[in-house]
C-alpha atoms as a PDB file:
ATOM      1  CA  MET A   1       9.681 -18.532   2.367  1.00  0.00           C
ATOM      2  CA  SER A   2       6.587 -16.920   0.777  1.00  0.00           C
ATOM      3  CA  ALA A   3       5.653 -13.474   1.929  1.00  0.00           C
ATOM      4  CA  LEU A   4       1.916 -14.203   2.723  1.00  0.00           C
ATOM      5  CA  PHE A   5       3.235 -16.160   5.745  1.00  0.00           C
ATOM      6  CA  HIS A   6       5.858 -14.371   7.221  1.00  0.00           C
ATOM      7  CA  PHE A   7       4.265 -11.359   8.773  1.00  0.00           C
ATOM      8  CA  GLN A   8       6.686  -8.404   8.329  1.00  0.00           C
ATOM      9  CA  SER A   9       6.985  -9.397   4.402  1.00  0.00           C
ATOM     10  CA  LEU A  10       2.899  -9.576   4.760  1.00  0.00           C
ATOM     11  CA  LEU A  11       3.280  -5.558   6.529  1.00  0.00           C
ATOM     12  CA  LEU A  12       5.572  -4.531   3.422  1.00  0.00           C
ATOM     13  CA  VAL A  13       3.498  -6.224   0.624  1.00  0.00           C
ATOM     14  CA  ILE A  14       0.474  -3.971   2.048  1.00  0.00           C
ATOM     15  CA  LEU A  15       2.639  -0.994   2.899  1.00  0.00           C
ATOM     16  CA  LEU A  16       3.295  -1.535  -1.237  1.00  0.00           C
ATOM     17  CA  LEU A  17      -0.053  -1.756  -2.812  1.00  0.00           C
ATOM     18  CA  ILE A  18      -1.327   0.972  -0.811  1.00  0.00           C
ATOM     19  CA  CYS A  19       2.022   3.231  -1.797  1.00  0.00           C
ATOM     20  CA  THR A  20       1.472   2.089  -5.401  1.00  0.00           C
ATOM     21  CA  CYS A  21      -2.253   2.524  -5.921  1.00  0.00           C
ATOM     22  CA  THR A  22      -2.233   5.877  -4.218  1.00  0.00           C
ATOM     23  CA  TYR A  23       0.152   7.053  -6.513  1.00  0.00           C
ATOM     24  CA  ILE A  24      -1.509   5.789  -9.542  1.00  0.00           C
ATOM     25  CA  ARG A  25      -4.860   6.792  -8.452  1.00  0.00           C
ATOM     26  CA  ALA A  26      -3.162  10.414  -8.623  1.00  0.00           C
ATOM     27  CA  GLN A  27      -1.430  10.406 -12.038  1.00  0.00           C
ATOM     28  CA  PHE A  28      -4.459   8.358 -13.531  1.00  0.00           C
ATOM     29  CA  PRO A  29      -7.662   9.033 -11.435  1.00  0.00           C
ATOM     30  CA  SER A  30      -9.883   7.512 -14.070  1.00  0.00           C
ATOM     31  CA  ILE A  31      -8.551   3.696 -13.748  1.00  0.00           C
ATOM     32  CA  LEU A  32      -9.463   2.742 -10.113  1.00  0.00           C
ATOM     33  CA  ASP A  33     -12.280   5.190  -9.708  1.00  0.00           C
ATOM     34  CA  ARG A  34     -14.407   3.212 -12.677  1.00  0.00           C
ATOM     35  CA  ASN A  35     -13.858   0.137 -10.634  1.00  0.00           C
ATOM     36  CA  LYS A  36     -15.455   0.617  -6.658  1.00  0.00           C
ATOM     37  CA  SER A  37     -16.839  -2.905  -6.781  1.00  0.00           C
ATOM     38  CA  GLY A  38     -15.137  -5.948  -6.829  1.00  0.00           C
ATOM     39  CA  VAL A  39     -12.078  -7.820  -6.579  1.00  0.00           C
ATOM     40  CA  LEU A  40     -10.835  -5.206  -8.667  1.00  0.00           C
ATOM     41  CA  GLY A  41     -12.319  -2.287  -6.519  1.00  0.00           C
ATOM     42  CA  LEU A  42      -9.533  -3.614  -3.286  1.00  0.00           C
ATOM     43  CA  PHE A  43      -6.728  -1.368  -5.564  1.00  0.00           C
ATOM     44  CA  TRP A  44      -9.260   1.743  -5.309  1.00  0.00           C
ATOM     45  CA  LYS A  45      -9.883   1.118  -1.561  1.00  0.00           C
ATOM     46  CA  ALA A  46      -6.305   0.585  -0.935  1.00  0.00           C
ATOM     47  CA  ALA A  47      -5.391   4.118  -3.261  1.00  0.00           C
ATOM     48  CA  ARG A  48      -7.845   5.586  -0.912  1.00  0.00           C
ATOM     49  CA  ILE A  49      -6.130   4.419   2.283  1.00  0.00           C
ATOM     50  CA  GLY A  50      -3.370   6.092   1.301  1.00  0.00           C
ATOM     51  CA  GLU A  51      -5.151   9.342   0.516  1.00  0.00           C
ATOM     52  CA  ARG A  52      -6.810   9.032   3.738  1.00  0.00           C
ATOM     53  CA  MET A  53      -4.233   8.334   5.810  1.00  0.00           C
ATOM     54  CA  SER A  54      -0.679   9.594   4.336  1.00  0.00           C
ATOM     55  CA  PRO A  55       0.811  10.815   7.749  1.00  0.00           C
ATOM     56  CA  TYR A  56       0.650   7.110   8.651  1.00  0.00           C
ATOM     57  CA  VAL A  57       1.312   5.654   6.204  1.00  0.00           C
ATOM     58  CA  SER A  58       4.777   7.685   5.506  1.00  0.00           C
ATOM     59  CA  VAL A  59       5.258   6.736   8.892  1.00  0.00           C
ATOM     60  CA  CYS A  60       5.096   3.058   8.461  1.00  0.00           C
ATOM     61  CA  CYS A  61       6.844   3.227   5.091  1.00  0.00           C
ATOM     62  CA  VAL A  62      10.299   5.290   7.154  1.00  0.00           C
ATOM     63  CA  VAL A  63       9.868   2.238   9.808  1.00  0.00           C
ATOM     64  CA  MET A  64       9.494  -0.394   7.709  1.00  0.00           C
ATOM     65  CA  ALA A  65      12.534   1.367   5.703  1.00  0.00           C
ATOM     66  CA  LEU A  66      14.701   1.173   8.828  1.00  0.00           C
ATOM     67  CA  ARG A  67      13.725  -2.372   9.741  1.00  0.00           C
ATOM     68  CA  LEU A  68      14.737  -3.476   6.906  1.00  0.00           C
ATOM     69  CA  MET A  69      17.856  -1.286   6.647  1.00  0.00           C
ATOM     70  CA  PHE A  70      18.910  -2.226  10.640  1.00  0.00           C
ATOM     71  CA  ALA A  71      17.926  -5.565  10.373  1.00  0.00           C
ATOM     72  CA  THR A  72      20.408  -8.530  11.545  1.00  0.00           C
END
């Protein structure tokens, strides 16, 4: 099944997008900073969410990892 139709998979994809964009912006800030609008602005916004809400994002990563490890 596609990740867009399964809610848990959709959350996982969004969480991985936020974490990846935050990491890329920390390593190479000029890549995401030049695209603040348009379709590519989505990646800049995901990086900002990851920076500003990093404790919540990290808790969500741990919860998702535990759910995936112990899911039946």
